[in-house]
Amino acid sequence: MDTSEAVFRALLSITLTLAVILLALFPFQEPGSESRVISIMALSVQGVMIAIATAGLYFGWKPFEFLDEI
């Protein structure tokens, strides 16, 4: 496994874990409250991170290839 794949896998696992925890908190938040708005914003950022990590793994993108040469 190269460095780029390891980074994308770590990013994906950490972000998915945080997204699941955040989704588990939604039933305990009052609709329309400030905390729910922040949770929705955080979930949208996590969704973008999940999409980037998934695309990086799927397409074999290697932005950290220079670290493999060290």
N, C-alpha and C. Protein backbone atom coordinates (compact mmCIF):
# COMPACT_ATOMS: atom_id res chain seq x y z
N MET A 1 0.85 -1.17 0.00
CA MET A 1 0.00 0.00 0.00
C MET A 1 0.90 1.24 0.00
N ASP A 2 0.62 2.16 -0.88
CA ASP A 2 1.41 3.38 -0.94
C ASP A 2 0.86 4.43 0.03
N THR A 3 1.57 5.51 0.16
CA THR A 3 1.22 6.55 1.13
C THR A 3 -0.12 7.21 0.82
N SER A 4 -0.39 7.48 -0.45
CA SER A 4 -1.65 8.14 -0.82
C SER A 4 -2.85 7.27 -0.44
N GLU A 5 -2.75 5.99 -0.72
CA GLU A 5 -3.87 5.10 -0.37
C GLU A 5 -4.06 5.02 1.14
N ALA A 6 -2.97 4.99 1.88
CA ALA A 6 -3.07 4.96 3.34
C ALA A 6 -3.71 6.23 3.88
N VAL A 7 -3.36 7.38 3.30
CA VAL A 7 -3.94 8.65 3.74
C VAL A 7 -5.44 8.68 3.43
N PHE A 8 -5.81 8.26 2.23
CA PHE A 8 -7.23 8.26 1.87
C PHE A 8 -8.04 7.27 2.72
N ARG A 9 -7.46 6.11 3.01
CA ARG A 9 -8.16 5.14 3.87
C ARG A 9 -8.34 5.68 5.29
N ALA A 10 -7.30 6.31 5.82
CA ALA A 10 -7.40 6.89 7.17
C ALA A 10 -8.42 8.02 7.20
N LEU A 11 -8.38 8.88 6.20
CA LEU A 11 -9.34 9.98 6.11
C LEU A 11 -10.77 9.46 6.03
N LEU A 12 -10.96 8.43 5.22
CA LEU A 12 -12.29 7.86 5.06
C LEU A 12 -12.80 7.22 6.35
N SER A 13 -11.95 6.45 7.02
CA SER A 13 -12.41 5.79 8.24
C SER A 13 -12.69 6.79 9.37
N ILE A 14 -11.84 7.79 9.53
CA ILE A 14 -12.06 8.78 10.58
C ILE A 14 -13.32 9.60 10.30
N THR A 15 -13.48 10.03 9.05
CA THR A 15 -14.64 10.85 8.70
C THR A 15 -15.93 10.07 8.80
N LEU A 16 -15.92 8.82 8.38
CA LEU A 16 -17.14 8.00 8.51
C LEU A 16 -17.51 7.78 9.97
N THR A 17 -16.51 7.58 10.82
CA THR A 17 -16.79 7.41 12.25
C THR A 17 -17.41 8.68 12.84
N LEU A 18 -16.84 9.83 12.51
CA LEU A 18 -17.40 11.08 13.02
C LEU A 18 -18.80 11.35 12.47
N ALA A 19 -19.04 10.99 11.21
CA ALA A 19 -20.35 11.20 10.61
C ALA A 19 -21.41 10.31 11.28
N VAL A 20 -21.05 9.08 11.59
CA VAL A 20 -22.00 8.18 12.27
C VAL A 20 -22.32 8.70 13.66
N ILE A 21 -21.31 9.16 14.38
CA ILE A 21 -21.55 9.73 15.71
C ILE A 21 -22.45 10.96 15.62
N LEU A 22 -22.18 11.81 14.64
CA LEU A 22 -22.99 13.01 14.47
C LEU A 22 -24.43 12.67 14.09
N LEU A 23 -24.61 11.69 13.23
CA LEU A 23 -25.97 11.27 12.87
C LEU A 23 -26.71 10.66 14.06
N ALA A 24 -25.99 10.02 14.95
CA ALA A 24 -26.63 9.44 16.14
C ALA A 24 -27.12 10.53 17.10
N LEU A 25 -26.55 11.72 17.01
CA LEU A 25 -26.95 12.81 17.90
C LEU A 25 -28.17 13.59 17.40
N PHE A 26 -28.53 13.44 16.14
CA PHE A 26 -29.64 14.20 15.58
C PHE A 26 -30.97 14.04 16.33
N PRO A 27 -31.35 12.84 16.76
CA PRO A 27 -32.64 12.73 17.48
C PRO A 27 -32.67 13.51 18.79
N PHE A 28 -31.53 13.84 19.35
CA PHE A 28 -31.48 14.54 20.63
C PHE A 28 -31.38 16.05 20.47
N GLN A 29 -31.34 16.53 19.23
CA GLN A 29 -31.25 17.96 18.99
C GLN A 29 -32.62 18.51 18.60
N GLU A 30 -32.90 19.69 19.08
CA GLU A 30 -34.17 20.34 18.78
C GLU A 30 -34.13 20.91 17.36
N PRO A 31 -35.14 20.61 16.55
CA PRO A 31 -35.15 21.15 15.18
C PRO A 31 -35.15 22.68 15.18
N GLY A 32 -34.28 23.24 14.33
CA GLY A 32 -34.19 24.68 14.22
C GLY A 32 -33.25 25.34 15.21
N SER A 33 -32.66 24.55 16.10
CA SER A 33 -31.75 25.14 17.08
C SER A 33 -30.38 25.41 16.44
N GLU A 34 -29.60 26.22 17.15
CA GLU A 34 -28.27 26.55 16.64
C GLU A 34 -27.38 25.32 16.56
N SER A 35 -27.50 24.43 17.52
CA SER A 35 -26.65 23.24 17.51
C SER A 35 -26.99 22.32 16.34
N ARG A 36 -28.25 22.28 15.95
CA ARG A 36 -28.62 21.45 14.80
C ARG A 36 -28.09 22.05 13.50
N VAL A 37 -28.10 23.36 13.38
CA VAL A 37 -27.56 24.02 12.19
C VAL A 37 -26.07 23.74 12.07
N ILE A 38 -25.35 23.84 13.18
CA ILE A 38 -23.92 23.54 13.16
C ILE A 38 -23.68 22.08 12.83
N SER A 39 -24.52 21.20 13.33
CA SER A 39 -24.37 19.77 13.03
C SER A 39 -24.59 19.51 11.54
N ILE A 40 -25.55 20.17 10.95
CA ILE A 40 -25.81 20.00 9.51
C ILE A 40 -24.64 20.54 8.70
N MET A 41 -24.09 21.67 9.12
CA MET A 41 -22.92 22.22 8.41
C MET A 41 -21.72 21.28 8.54
N ALA A 42 -21.50 20.74 9.72
CA ALA A 42 -20.39 19.81 9.92
C ALA A 42 -20.60 18.54 9.11
N LEU A 43 -21.83 18.07 9.03
CA LEU A 43 -22.12 16.87 8.24
C LEU A 43 -21.90 17.12 6.75
N SER A 44 -22.17 18.32 6.28
CA SER A 44 -21.92 18.61 4.87
C SER A 44 -20.42 18.64 4.57
N VAL A 45 -19.63 19.18 5.49
CA VAL A 45 -18.17 19.16 5.31
C VAL A 45 -17.66 17.72 5.33
N GLN A 46 -18.19 16.92 6.22
CA GLN A 46 -17.78 15.52 6.28
C GLN A 46 -18.19 14.77 5.01
N GLY A 47 -19.34 15.12 4.45
CA GLY A 47 -19.76 14.50 3.20
C GLY A 47 -18.81 14.80 2.06
N VAL A 48 -18.32 16.04 2.01
CA VAL A 48 -17.33 16.40 0.98
C VAL A 48 -16.03 15.63 1.20
N MET A 49 -15.61 15.51 2.45
CA MET A 49 -14.38 14.76 2.75
C MET A 49 -14.53 13.29 2.38
N ILE A 50 -15.69 12.71 2.63
CA ILE A 50 -15.94 11.31 2.27
C ILE A 50 -15.91 11.16 0.75
N ALA A 51 -16.50 12.11 0.04
CA ALA A 51 -16.50 12.05 -1.42
C ALA A 51 -15.09 12.15 -1.99
N ILE A 52 -14.27 13.04 -1.44
CA ILE A 52 -12.90 13.20 -1.92
C ILE A 52 -12.08 11.94 -1.64
N ALA A 53 -12.20 11.38 -0.44
CA ALA A 53 -11.44 10.18 -0.10
C ALA A 53 -11.89 8.98 -0.95
N THR A 54 -13.19 8.86 -1.17
CA THR A 54 -13.70 7.76 -1.99
C THR A 54 -13.23 7.91 -3.43
N ALA A 55 -13.28 9.12 -3.97
CA ALA A 55 -12.82 9.35 -5.34
C ALA A 55 -11.32 9.10 -5.45
N GLY A 56 -10.56 9.52 -4.46
CA GLY A 56 -9.12 9.28 -4.48
C GLY A 56 -8.78 7.81 -4.48
N LEU A 57 -9.51 7.02 -3.71
CA LEU A 57 -9.28 5.57 -3.70
C LEU A 57 -9.75 4.92 -4.99
N TYR A 58 -10.88 5.34 -5.50
CA TYR A 58 -11.44 4.73 -6.69
C TYR A 58 -10.59 4.99 -7.94
N PHE A 59 -10.17 6.24 -8.09
CA PHE A 59 -9.42 6.61 -9.29
C PHE A 59 -7.91 6.45 -9.14
N GLY A 60 -7.46 6.05 -7.96
CA GLY A 60 -6.04 5.82 -7.76
C GLY A 60 -5.21 7.09 -7.78
N TRP A 61 -5.78 8.18 -7.31
CA TRP A 61 -5.09 9.46 -7.29
C TRP A 61 -3.92 9.38 -6.32
N LYS A 62 -2.76 9.88 -6.68
CA LYS A 62 -1.56 9.77 -5.86
C LYS A 62 -0.94 11.15 -5.58
N PRO A 63 -1.59 11.97 -4.76
CA PRO A 63 -1.02 13.30 -4.46
C PRO A 63 0.17 13.24 -3.50
N PHE A 64 0.34 12.13 -2.79
CA PHE A 64 1.43 12.00 -1.83
C PHE A 64 2.50 11.04 -2.34
N GLU A 65 2.63 10.93 -3.63
CA GLU A 65 3.59 10.01 -4.24
C GLU A 65 5.03 10.40 -3.90
N PHE A 66 5.27 11.68 -3.70
CA PHE A 66 6.64 12.13 -3.37
C PHE A 66 7.12 11.57 -2.04
N LEU A 67 6.21 11.18 -1.16
CA LEU A 67 6.60 10.61 0.14
C LEU A 67 7.07 9.16 0.00
N ASP A 68 6.66 8.48 -1.07
CA ASP A 68 7.08 7.11 -1.28
C ASP A 68 8.54 7.01 -1.69
N GLU A 69 9.10 8.08 -2.21
CA GLU A 69 10.47 8.07 -2.70
C GLU A 69 11.50 8.33 -1.61
N ILE A 70 11.04 8.69 -0.44
CA ILE A 70 11.96 9.02 0.66
C ILE A 70 12.57 7.77 1.23
